[in-house]
N, C-alpha and C. Protein backbone atom coordinates (compact mmCIF):
# COMPACT_ATOMS: atom_id res chain seq x y z
N MET A 1 0.85 -1.17 0.00
CA MET A 1 0.00 0.00 0.00
C MET A 1 0.89 1.23 0.00
N GLY A 2 0.49 2.28 -0.67
CA GLY A 2 1.28 3.48 -0.77
C GLY A 2 1.34 4.25 0.54
N ASP A 3 2.36 5.09 0.67
CA ASP A 3 2.52 5.92 1.86
C ASP A 3 1.50 7.03 1.90
N ILE A 4 1.07 7.39 3.09
CA ILE A 4 0.24 8.57 3.30
C ILE A 4 1.20 9.72 3.51
N MET A 5 1.09 10.77 2.68
CA MET A 5 1.99 11.90 2.79
C MET A 5 1.45 12.92 3.78
N ALA A 6 2.35 13.50 4.56
CA ALA A 6 1.92 14.55 5.49
C ALA A 6 3.05 15.54 5.65
N ASP A 7 3.64 15.58 6.82
CA ASP A 7 4.70 16.53 7.06
C ASP A 7 6.04 15.89 6.76
N SER A 8 7.12 16.56 7.15
CA SER A 8 8.45 16.12 6.75
C SER A 8 9.10 15.19 7.77
N LYS A 9 8.34 14.60 8.67
CA LYS A 9 8.91 13.64 9.62
C LYS A 9 9.44 12.43 8.85
N ASN A 10 10.57 11.92 9.31
CA ASN A 10 11.17 10.78 8.62
C ASN A 10 10.61 9.46 9.11
N GLN A 11 10.09 9.41 10.34
CA GLN A 11 9.58 8.16 10.89
C GLN A 11 8.23 7.84 10.26
N LYS A 12 8.08 6.60 9.84
CA LYS A 12 6.82 6.15 9.25
C LYS A 12 6.26 5.02 10.08
N ASN A 13 5.03 5.19 10.50
CA ASN A 13 4.36 4.20 11.33
C ASN A 13 3.50 3.29 10.47
N LYS A 14 3.55 1.99 10.76
CA LYS A 14 2.66 1.04 10.10
C LYS A 14 1.44 0.85 10.98
N VAL A 15 0.27 0.99 10.37
CA VAL A 15 -0.97 0.89 11.11
C VAL A 15 -1.94 0.01 10.33
N ASP A 16 -2.55 -0.94 11.02
CA ASP A 16 -3.57 -1.78 10.42
C ASP A 16 -4.93 -1.13 10.64
N VAL A 17 -5.68 -0.96 9.56
CA VAL A 17 -7.02 -0.36 9.63
C VAL A 17 -7.96 -1.17 8.76
N GLU A 18 -9.25 -0.89 8.94
CA GLU A 18 -10.26 -1.51 8.10
C GLU A 18 -11.13 -0.40 7.54
N ILE A 19 -11.27 -0.39 6.22
CA ILE A 19 -12.08 0.60 5.52
C ILE A 19 -13.05 -0.14 4.62
N TYR A 20 -14.33 0.04 4.89
CA TYR A 20 -15.40 -0.57 4.11
C TYR A 20 -15.22 -2.08 3.96
N GLY A 21 -14.88 -2.71 5.10
CA GLY A 21 -14.76 -4.16 5.13
C GLY A 21 -13.45 -4.72 4.61
N GLN A 22 -12.55 -3.85 4.19
CA GLN A 22 -11.28 -4.28 3.63
C GLN A 22 -10.15 -3.88 4.58
N LYS A 23 -9.26 -4.82 4.89
CA LYS A 23 -8.14 -4.52 5.79
C LYS A 23 -6.96 -3.96 5.00
N TYR A 24 -6.34 -2.93 5.58
CA TYR A 24 -5.19 -2.28 4.96
C TYR A 24 -4.10 -2.09 6.01
N THR A 25 -2.86 -2.20 5.59
CA THR A 25 -1.73 -1.78 6.40
C THR A 25 -1.22 -0.50 5.76
N LEU A 26 -1.37 0.60 6.49
CA LEU A 26 -0.95 1.90 5.97
C LEU A 26 0.34 2.31 6.64
N LYS A 27 1.17 3.01 5.90
CA LYS A 27 2.46 3.44 6.41
C LYS A 27 2.63 4.91 6.08
N GLY A 28 2.98 5.69 7.09
CA GLY A 28 3.19 7.10 6.85
C GLY A 28 3.62 7.82 8.11
N PRO A 29 3.95 9.08 7.99
CA PRO A 29 4.48 9.84 9.11
C PRO A 29 3.41 10.48 9.99
N LEU A 30 2.15 10.17 9.79
CA LEU A 30 1.08 10.86 10.50
C LEU A 30 0.92 10.45 11.96
N GLY A 31 1.33 9.30 12.32
CA GLY A 31 1.10 8.80 13.67
C GLY A 31 -0.10 7.86 13.67
N GLU A 32 -0.04 6.88 14.55
CA GLU A 32 -1.05 5.82 14.57
C GLU A 32 -2.46 6.36 14.80
N GLU A 33 -2.62 7.21 15.78
CA GLU A 33 -3.96 7.71 16.10
C GLU A 33 -4.56 8.52 14.96
N LYS A 34 -3.76 9.34 14.31
CA LYS A 34 -4.25 10.15 13.19
C LYS A 34 -4.66 9.26 12.02
N ILE A 35 -3.83 8.27 11.71
CA ILE A 35 -4.15 7.35 10.62
C ILE A 35 -5.44 6.60 10.91
N LYS A 36 -5.58 6.11 12.14
CA LYS A 36 -6.80 5.40 12.52
C LYS A 36 -8.02 6.31 12.44
N LYS A 37 -7.87 7.54 12.87
CA LYS A 37 -8.98 8.50 12.82
C LYS A 37 -9.40 8.76 11.38
N LEU A 38 -8.43 8.98 10.50
CA LEU A 38 -8.74 9.23 9.09
C LEU A 38 -9.40 8.01 8.45
N ALA A 39 -8.89 6.82 8.76
CA ALA A 39 -9.46 5.59 8.21
C ALA A 39 -10.90 5.42 8.69
N LYS A 40 -11.16 5.73 9.95
CA LYS A 40 -12.52 5.61 10.49
C LYS A 40 -13.46 6.60 9.80
N GLU A 41 -12.99 7.82 9.56
CA GLU A 41 -13.81 8.81 8.85
C GLU A 41 -14.09 8.36 7.42
N LEU A 42 -13.07 7.83 6.76
CA LEU A 42 -13.25 7.35 5.39
C LEU A 42 -14.22 6.17 5.36
N ASP A 43 -14.10 5.27 6.32
CA ASP A 43 -15.02 4.14 6.41
C ASP A 43 -16.45 4.65 6.57
N GLY A 44 -16.63 5.66 7.40
CA GLY A 44 -17.96 6.23 7.59
C GLY A 44 -18.52 6.83 6.31
N LEU A 45 -17.69 7.55 5.58
CA LEU A 45 -18.14 8.14 4.31
C LEU A 45 -18.50 7.06 3.29
N MET A 46 -17.67 6.03 3.23
CA MET A 46 -17.94 4.93 2.29
C MET A 46 -19.28 4.28 2.63
N ASN A 47 -19.52 4.03 3.90
CA ASN A 47 -20.77 3.40 4.33
C ASN A 47 -21.97 4.32 4.11
N GLU A 48 -21.78 5.62 4.29
CA GLU A 48 -22.86 6.58 4.06
C GLU A 48 -23.28 6.58 2.58
N VAL A 49 -22.30 6.61 1.69
CA VAL A 49 -22.61 6.59 0.26
C VAL A 49 -23.24 5.24 -0.12
N ALA A 50 -22.71 4.15 0.43
CA ALA A 50 -23.25 2.82 0.12
C ALA A 50 -24.70 2.69 0.58
N ALA A 51 -25.02 3.28 1.72
CA ALA A 51 -26.40 3.22 2.22
C ALA A 51 -27.35 4.00 1.31
N ALA A 52 -26.86 5.09 0.73
CA ALA A 52 -27.69 5.91 -0.15
C ALA A 52 -27.82 5.30 -1.54
N ALA A 53 -26.82 4.51 -1.94
CA ALA A 53 -26.83 3.91 -3.29
C ALA A 53 -26.30 2.48 -3.19
N PRO A 54 -27.09 1.57 -2.63
CA PRO A 54 -26.61 0.20 -2.38
C PRO A 54 -26.30 -0.61 -3.64
N HIS A 55 -26.72 -0.14 -4.78
CA HIS A 55 -26.47 -0.86 -6.03
C HIS A 55 -25.07 -0.62 -6.58
N LEU A 56 -24.33 0.32 -6.01
CA LEU A 56 -23.01 0.66 -6.54
C LEU A 56 -21.93 -0.31 -6.08
N ALA A 57 -20.94 -0.53 -6.95
CA ALA A 57 -19.77 -1.34 -6.61
C ALA A 57 -18.83 -0.52 -5.73
N THR A 58 -17.94 -1.20 -5.05
CA THR A 58 -17.02 -0.55 -4.13
C THR A 58 -16.21 0.55 -4.81
N HIS A 59 -15.70 0.29 -6.01
CA HIS A 59 -14.89 1.32 -6.68
C HIS A 59 -15.74 2.54 -7.04
N GLN A 60 -17.00 2.34 -7.33
CA GLN A 60 -17.88 3.48 -7.63
C GLN A 60 -18.15 4.30 -6.37
N ILE A 61 -18.32 3.62 -5.27
CA ILE A 61 -18.50 4.30 -3.99
C ILE A 61 -17.25 5.11 -3.66
N ALA A 62 -16.09 4.52 -3.87
CA ALA A 62 -14.82 5.21 -3.59
C ALA A 62 -14.68 6.47 -4.45
N VAL A 63 -15.08 6.38 -5.72
CA VAL A 63 -14.99 7.55 -6.60
C VAL A 63 -15.93 8.65 -6.12
N LEU A 64 -17.14 8.29 -5.72
CA LEU A 64 -18.08 9.30 -5.22
C LEU A 64 -17.57 9.95 -3.93
N VAL A 65 -16.97 9.16 -3.06
CA VAL A 65 -16.39 9.72 -1.83
C VAL A 65 -15.23 10.64 -2.19
N ALA A 66 -14.39 10.24 -3.12
CA ALA A 66 -13.27 11.08 -3.54
C ALA A 66 -13.76 12.41 -4.12
N LEU A 67 -14.80 12.36 -4.93
CA LEU A 67 -15.35 13.59 -5.50
C LEU A 67 -15.93 14.49 -4.40
N ARG A 68 -16.60 13.87 -3.44
CA ARG A 68 -17.16 14.65 -2.33
C ARG A 68 -16.05 15.33 -1.52
N LEU A 69 -14.98 14.59 -1.23
CA LEU A 69 -13.86 15.14 -0.48
C LEU A 69 -13.15 16.24 -1.26
N LEU A 70 -12.99 16.05 -2.56
CA LEU A 70 -12.36 17.07 -3.40
C LEU A 70 -13.22 18.33 -3.46
N ASN A 71 -14.53 18.15 -3.53
CA ASN A 71 -15.43 19.29 -3.52
C ASN A 71 -15.31 20.05 -2.19
N ASP A 72 -15.29 19.32 -1.08
CA ASP A 72 -15.12 19.96 0.23
C ASP A 72 -13.79 20.70 0.31
N TYR A 73 -12.73 20.07 -0.18
CA TYR A 73 -11.41 20.70 -0.19
C TYR A 73 -11.42 21.99 -1.02
N ASN A 74 -12.01 21.93 -2.21
CA ASN A 74 -12.06 23.12 -3.06
C ASN A 74 -12.87 24.23 -2.42
N ASP A 75 -13.98 23.89 -1.76
CA ASP A 75 -14.78 24.90 -1.06
C ASP A 75 -13.96 25.56 0.04
N LEU A 76 -13.25 24.76 0.83
CA LEU A 76 -12.42 25.31 1.91
C LEU A 76 -11.27 26.16 1.36
N LYS A 77 -10.66 25.69 0.29
CA LYS A 77 -9.56 26.44 -0.33
C LYS A 77 -10.05 27.78 -0.85
N GLN A 78 -11.22 27.78 -1.48
CA GLN A 78 -11.79 29.02 -1.99
C GLN A 78 -12.07 30.00 -0.85
N GLU A 79 -12.63 29.51 0.26
CA GLU A 79 -12.89 30.36 1.42
C GLU A 79 -11.57 30.89 2.00
N TYR A 80 -10.56 30.04 2.07
CA TYR A 80 -9.25 30.45 2.57
C TYR A 80 -8.65 31.53 1.67
N ASP A 81 -8.72 31.30 0.36
CA ASP A 81 -8.18 32.27 -0.59
C ASP A 81 -8.89 33.61 -0.48
N LYS A 82 -10.22 33.59 -0.30
CA LYS A 82 -10.97 34.84 -0.12
C LYS A 82 -10.50 35.57 1.13
N GLY A 83 -10.34 34.84 2.21
CA GLY A 83 -9.88 35.43 3.46
C GLY A 83 -8.49 36.00 3.33
N PHE A 84 -7.62 35.29 2.62
CA PHE A 84 -6.25 35.75 2.41
C PHE A 84 -6.25 37.03 1.58
N GLN A 85 -7.07 37.08 0.54
CA GLN A 85 -7.16 38.27 -0.30
C GLN A 85 -7.71 39.45 0.50
N LEU A 86 -8.71 39.20 1.34
CA LEU A 86 -9.26 40.27 2.17
C LEU A 86 -8.20 40.78 3.14
N ALA A 87 -7.41 39.89 3.71
CA ALA A 87 -6.36 40.29 4.62
C ALA A 87 -5.33 41.15 3.90
N LEU A 88 -4.97 40.79 2.69
CA LEU A 88 -4.03 41.59 1.91
C LEU A 88 -4.63 42.95 1.59
N PHE A 89 -5.91 42.97 1.25
CA PHE A 89 -6.59 44.22 0.93
C PHE A 89 -6.62 45.14 2.14
N LYS A 90 -6.90 44.60 3.32
CA LYS A 90 -6.95 45.41 4.55
C LYS A 90 -5.59 45.99 4.87
N ASP A 91 -4.53 45.22 4.61
CA ASP A 91 -3.18 45.67 4.92
C ASP A 91 -2.66 46.68 3.89
N SER A 92 -3.34 46.78 2.78
CA SER A 92 -2.92 47.69 1.70
C SER A 92 -3.22 49.13 2.09
N ASP A 93 -2.30 50.05 1.77
CA ASP A 93 -2.50 51.47 2.05
C ASP A 93 -3.23 52.17 0.91
N SER A 94 -3.37 51.52 -0.22
CA SER A 94 -3.97 52.17 -1.37
C SER A 94 -5.50 52.19 -1.23
N ASP A 95 -6.11 53.27 -1.63
CA ASP A 95 -7.55 53.40 -1.63
C ASP A 95 -8.08 53.04 -2.99
N ILE A 96 -9.07 52.17 -3.03
CA ILE A 96 -9.66 51.78 -4.30
C ILE A 96 -10.92 52.60 -4.52
N PHE A 97 -11.62 52.96 -3.48
CA PHE A 97 -12.88 53.70 -3.62
C PHE A 97 -12.69 55.14 -3.18
């Protein structure tokens, strides 16, 4: 299984988790508790989508969860970018109006 990327720590922890009925050994620098927490959240999302659309195959459920997470990420990034731009505007000495 591929590494989970996070910060620049060199130590990588191996953690056994279960996501949507499938066991995985994940390795990465996040720490055991963080990896388990993320896996539990992902398992919950997979089960939520599966309950809403029980006819879908596992890979289709995974794609829908990935799209949902990417949408959430883009929404948060857009809000962050707006806030950053507002902060720059407030710090600016130039008058626009």
